């Protein structure tokens, strides 16, 4: 049975003016993952990404390590929500730049609150789709893959769409997707076995390219 490999982007630029760029570590995570896929002998029939820079940069790093370039399709339905817009629905004042651990914890506490409010239809973050439309975009990407492919497929996206995909496959509520989202590691790999009838979860959020304890310093979440 073929496998869909869902990869969260490498470490991005959390706290910078433009988050949507991989850090140097994020680039390295991506290349190492591609090298790991090559050692496993994976040959991807196709690759899918969102349209964000960090998605494209992560895929480029994977391709560099893999030394093979599969056909690539970019789908807006695989894009992440806008975290600042979500947080603004529950905390009107701008947050300080995350200069310490408490700032980071505050960011993610508010993000969880905002995501739950968005999922429950209590808020409408500026410039974003409804939560139902966000979920539908992820579902449409999964349906497209299961309808069009019969081999292994790579999907590079963000924590929100990947967690939403897992919750969709498991029949779990939005609150579960939100909690999963906040646990997905940069360049973490989730696997679905799939057929034309749908997807089944095989593995979640693992790091075959960053074995512990040797690579503990390379495990990141933002």
Protein backbone atom coordinates (compact mmCIF):
# COMPACT_ATOMS: atom_id res chain seq x y z
CA UNK A 1 0.00 0.00 0.00
CA UNK A 2 1.46 3.42 -0.91
CA UNK A 3 2.29 6.01 1.74
CA UNK A 4 1.66 9.73 1.94
CA UNK A 5 4.49 11.40 3.86
CA UNK A 6 3.34 14.65 5.46
CA UNK A 7 6.27 16.85 6.53
CA UNK A 8 6.08 20.00 8.58
CA UNK A 9 8.44 22.71 7.34
CA UNK A 10 11.86 23.12 8.92
CA UNK A 11 12.45 25.66 11.65
CA UNK A 12 11.26 29.07 10.46
CA UNK A 13 12.14 32.55 11.71
CA UNK A 14 10.04 32.80 14.88
CA UNK A 15 10.18 36.32 16.31
CA UNK A 16 11.61 37.87 13.14
CA UNK A 17 9.79 40.46 11.05
CA UNK A 18 9.23 37.77 8.40
CA UNK A 19 8.48 34.38 9.94
CA UNK A 20 8.02 32.81 6.51
CA UNK A 21 11.71 32.01 5.95
CA UNK A 22 13.64 28.96 7.12
CA UNK A 23 16.43 29.52 9.60
CA UNK A 24 19.84 28.01 8.91
CA UNK A 25 18.85 25.15 11.20
CA UNK A 26 15.58 24.72 9.32
CA UNK A 27 17.50 24.39 6.07
CA UNK A 28 19.76 21.76 7.65
CA UNK A 29 16.79 19.82 9.03
CA UNK A 30 15.28 19.69 5.55
CA UNK A 31 18.44 18.45 3.82
CA UNK A 32 18.97 15.79 6.49
CA UNK A 33 15.41 14.57 5.98
CA UNK A 34 15.98 14.27 2.23
CA UNK A 35 19.17 12.31 2.87
CA UNK A 36 17.23 10.03 5.21
CA UNK A 37 14.54 9.45 2.58
CA UNK A 38 17.31 8.59 0.09
CA UNK A 39 18.82 6.02 2.48
CA UNK A 40 15.37 4.47 2.87
CA UNK A 41 15.13 4.16 -0.91
CA UNK A 42 11.98 6.26 -1.19
CA UNK A 43 10.90 7.33 -4.64
CA UNK A 44 8.10 9.88 -4.61
CA UNK A 45 5.58 9.82 -7.41
CA UNK A 46 4.68 13.44 -6.67
CA UNK A 47 5.18 16.22 -4.14
CA UNK A 48 2.60 18.69 -2.83
CA UNK A 49 3.17 21.88 -0.86
CA UNK A 50 1.32 24.96 0.27
CA UNK A 51 2.27 28.23 -1.40
CA UNK A 52 4.31 29.66 1.49
CA UNK A 53 8.04 30.33 1.24
CA UNK A 54 8.91 28.03 4.14
CA UNK A 55 7.12 25.17 2.38
CA UNK A 56 9.04 25.71 -0.86
CA UNK A 57 12.33 26.11 0.99
CA UNK A 58 11.76 22.92 2.97
CA UNK A 59 10.95 20.99 -0.18
CA UNK A 60 14.09 22.38 -1.83
CA UNK A 61 16.18 21.12 1.08
CA UNK A 62 14.56 17.69 0.94
CA UNK A 63 15.15 17.51 -2.81
CA UNK A 64 18.78 18.49 -2.27
CA UNK A 65 19.26 15.63 0.17
CA UNK A 66 17.21 13.20 -1.88
CA UNK A 67 18.99 14.11 -5.13
CA UNK A 68 15.75 13.53 -7.06
CA UNK A 69 13.06 16.09 -7.93
CA UNK A 70 9.49 14.75 -8.12
CA UNK A 71 6.73 16.66 -9.93
CA UNK A 72 5.54 19.43 -7.59
CA UNK A 73 2.06 20.92 -7.13
CA UNK A 74 1.42 23.91 -4.84
CA UNK A 75 -2.06 24.07 -3.27
CA UNK A 76 -3.30 27.09 -1.27
CA UNK A 77 -5.42 24.66 0.77
CA UNK A 78 -2.21 23.44 2.41
CA UNK A 79 -1.29 26.90 3.70
CA UNK A 80 -1.09 27.63 7.41
CA UNK A 81 -3.46 29.96 9.26
CA UNK A 82 -2.08 33.41 10.12
CA UNK A 83 -1.06 33.13 13.77
CA UNK A 84 -0.96 36.88 14.42
CA UNK A 85 -4.50 37.29 13.08
CA UNK A 86 -5.69 34.41 15.27
CA UNK A 87 -4.04 35.83 18.39
CA UNK A 88 -5.46 39.30 17.67
CA UNK A 89 -8.99 37.92 18.06
CA UNK A 90 -8.36 37.16 21.75
CA UNK A 91 -5.62 39.70 22.59
CA UNK A 92 -5.92 43.08 20.91
CA UNK A 93 -2.55 44.51 22.02
CA UNK A 94 0.54 43.52 20.01
CA UNK A 95 2.68 40.92 21.73
CA UNK A 96 6.31 41.72 22.53
CA UNK A 97 8.96 40.03 20.43
CA UNK A 98 9.66 36.62 22.04
CA UNK A 99 12.86 37.40 23.92
CA UNK A 100 12.43 34.88 26.74
CA UNK A 101 10.61 31.67 27.61
CA UNK A 102 7.65 33.45 29.19
CA UNK A 103 7.03 35.43 25.99
CA UNK A 104 7.01 32.19 24.02
CA UNK A 105 4.61 30.55 26.47
CA UNK A 106 2.30 33.58 26.29
CA UNK A 107 2.31 33.41 22.48
CA UNK A 108 1.25 29.78 22.42
CA UNK A 109 -1.32 30.13 25.22
CA UNK A 110 -3.02 32.89 23.26
CA UNK A 111 -2.67 30.98 20.02
CA UNK A 112 -4.45 27.98 21.54
CA UNK A 113 -7.25 30.22 22.83
CA UNK A 114 -7.62 31.92 19.45
CA UNK A 115 -7.60 28.68 17.49
CA UNK A 116 -10.34 27.22 19.68
CA UNK A 117 -12.42 30.38 19.29
CA UNK A 118 -11.93 30.27 15.49
CA UNK A 119 -12.83 26.57 15.32
CA UNK A 120 -15.98 27.19 17.35
CA UNK A 121 -17.04 30.07 15.09
CA UNK A 122 -16.79 32.67 17.86
CA UNK A 123 -14.24 34.84 16.03
CA UNK A 124 -13.28 35.65 12.44
CA UNK A 125 -9.53 36.38 12.14
CA UNK A 126 -8.80 39.18 9.68
CA UNK A 127 -7.88 38.04 6.19
CA UNK A 128 -8.48 34.35 6.92
CA UNK A 129 -11.07 31.83 5.73
CA UNK A 130 -13.61 30.34 8.08
CA UNK A 131 -12.38 27.34 9.99
CA UNK A 132 -14.74 25.14 7.98
CA UNK A 133 -13.16 26.37 4.75
CA UNK A 134 -9.66 25.80 6.15
CA UNK A 135 -10.57 22.21 7.00
CA UNK A 136 -12.18 21.75 3.59
CA UNK A 137 -8.99 22.88 1.84
CA UNK A 138 -7.00 20.20 3.65
CA UNK A 139 -9.62 17.57 2.89
CA UNK A 140 -9.63 18.48 -0.79
CA UNK A 141 -5.85 18.02 -0.95
CA UNK A 142 -6.13 14.55 0.61
CA UNK A 143 -8.92 13.59 -1.78
CA UNK A 144 -6.89 14.78 -4.77
CA UNK A 145 -3.90 12.68 -3.73
CA UNK A 146 -5.92 9.53 -3.15
CA UNK A 147 -7.74 9.98 -6.47
CA UNK A 148 -4.70 10.75 -8.63
CA UNK A 149 -1.83 8.67 -7.23
CA UNK A 150 -0.94 5.07 -6.53
CA UNK A 151 2.66 5.49 -5.33
CA UNK A 152 4.42 7.18 -2.42
CA UNK A 153 3.71 10.92 -2.24
CA UNK A 154 5.43 13.71 -0.32
CA UNK A 155 3.42 16.58 1.19
CA UNK A 156 5.21 19.58 2.76
CA UNK A 157 3.04 21.94 4.77
CA UNK A 158 2.64 23.40 8.27
CA UNK A 159 1.50 22.19 11.64
CA UNK A 160 -2.10 23.37 11.27
CA UNK A 161 -2.92 21.59 8.00
CA UNK A 162 -1.05 18.43 9.03
CA UNK A 163 -2.81 18.26 12.41
CA UNK A 164 -6.11 18.92 10.65
CA UNK A 165 -5.38 16.06 8.24
CA UNK A 166 -4.66 13.69 11.15
CA UNK A 167 -7.85 14.69 12.96
CA UNK A 168 -9.80 14.25 9.70
CA UNK A 169 -8.44 10.73 9.18
CA UNK A 170 -9.13 9.79 12.82
CA UNK A 171 -12.58 11.39 12.90
CA UNK A 172 -11.42 13.55 15.82
CA UNK A 173 -12.79 17.01 16.74
CA UNK A 174 -11.13 20.34 16.00
CA UNK A 175 -9.94 20.59 19.60
CA UNK A 176 -7.82 17.48 19.04
CA UNK A 177 -6.35 18.95 15.86
CA UNK A 178 -5.36 22.08 17.79
CA UNK A 179 -3.57 20.10 20.49
CA UNK A 180 -1.79 17.96 17.88
CA UNK A 181 -0.80 21.11 15.99
CA UNK A 182 1.01 22.53 19.02
CA UNK A 183 3.07 19.33 19.34
CA UNK A 184 4.29 18.91 15.76
CA UNK A 185 8.04 19.34 15.46
CA UNK A 186 9.86 21.13 12.67
CA UNK A 187 10.55 18.67 9.82
CA UNK A 188 8.50 16.07 11.70
CA UNK A 189 7.12 13.27 9.53
CA UNK A 190 3.58 11.91 9.66
CA UNK A 191 2.62 8.93 7.51
CA UNK A 192 -0.72 7.89 6.01
CA UNK A 193 -1.25 4.64 4.16
CA UNK A 194 -3.73 5.42 1.43
CA UNK A 195 -5.90 3.96 -1.31
CA UNK A 196 -8.49 5.49 -3.62
CA UNK A 197 -10.95 5.06 -0.73
CA UNK A 198 -9.07 7.15 1.81
CA UNK A 199 -6.21 7.41 4.29
CA UNK A 200 -5.13 5.58 7.44
CA UNK A 201 -2.69 6.93 10.04
CA UNK A 202 0.54 4.92 10.30
CA UNK A 203 2.90 7.26 12.19
CA UNK A 204 2.77 10.76 13.67
CA UNK A 205 5.41 13.45 14.15
CA UNK A 206 8.54 11.31 14.09
CA UNK A 207 12.09 12.42 13.28
CA UNK A 208 13.92 9.56 11.53
CA UNK A 209 16.61 11.99 10.37
CA UNK A 210 17.33 13.43 13.84
CA UNK A 211 18.04 10.43 16.08
CA UNK A 212 18.19 11.13 19.79
CA UNK A 213 20.26 11.85 21.80
CA UNK A 214 22.86 12.86 19.20
CA UNK A 215 20.59 15.38 17.47
CA UNK A 216 18.64 16.65 20.50
CA UNK A 217 19.77 20.23 19.86
CA UNK A 218 18.26 20.10 16.37
CA UNK A 219 14.71 19.30 17.56
CA UNK A 220 12.59 22.45 17.36
CA UNK A 221 8.91 23.41 17.36
CA UNK A 222 8.52 26.90 15.86
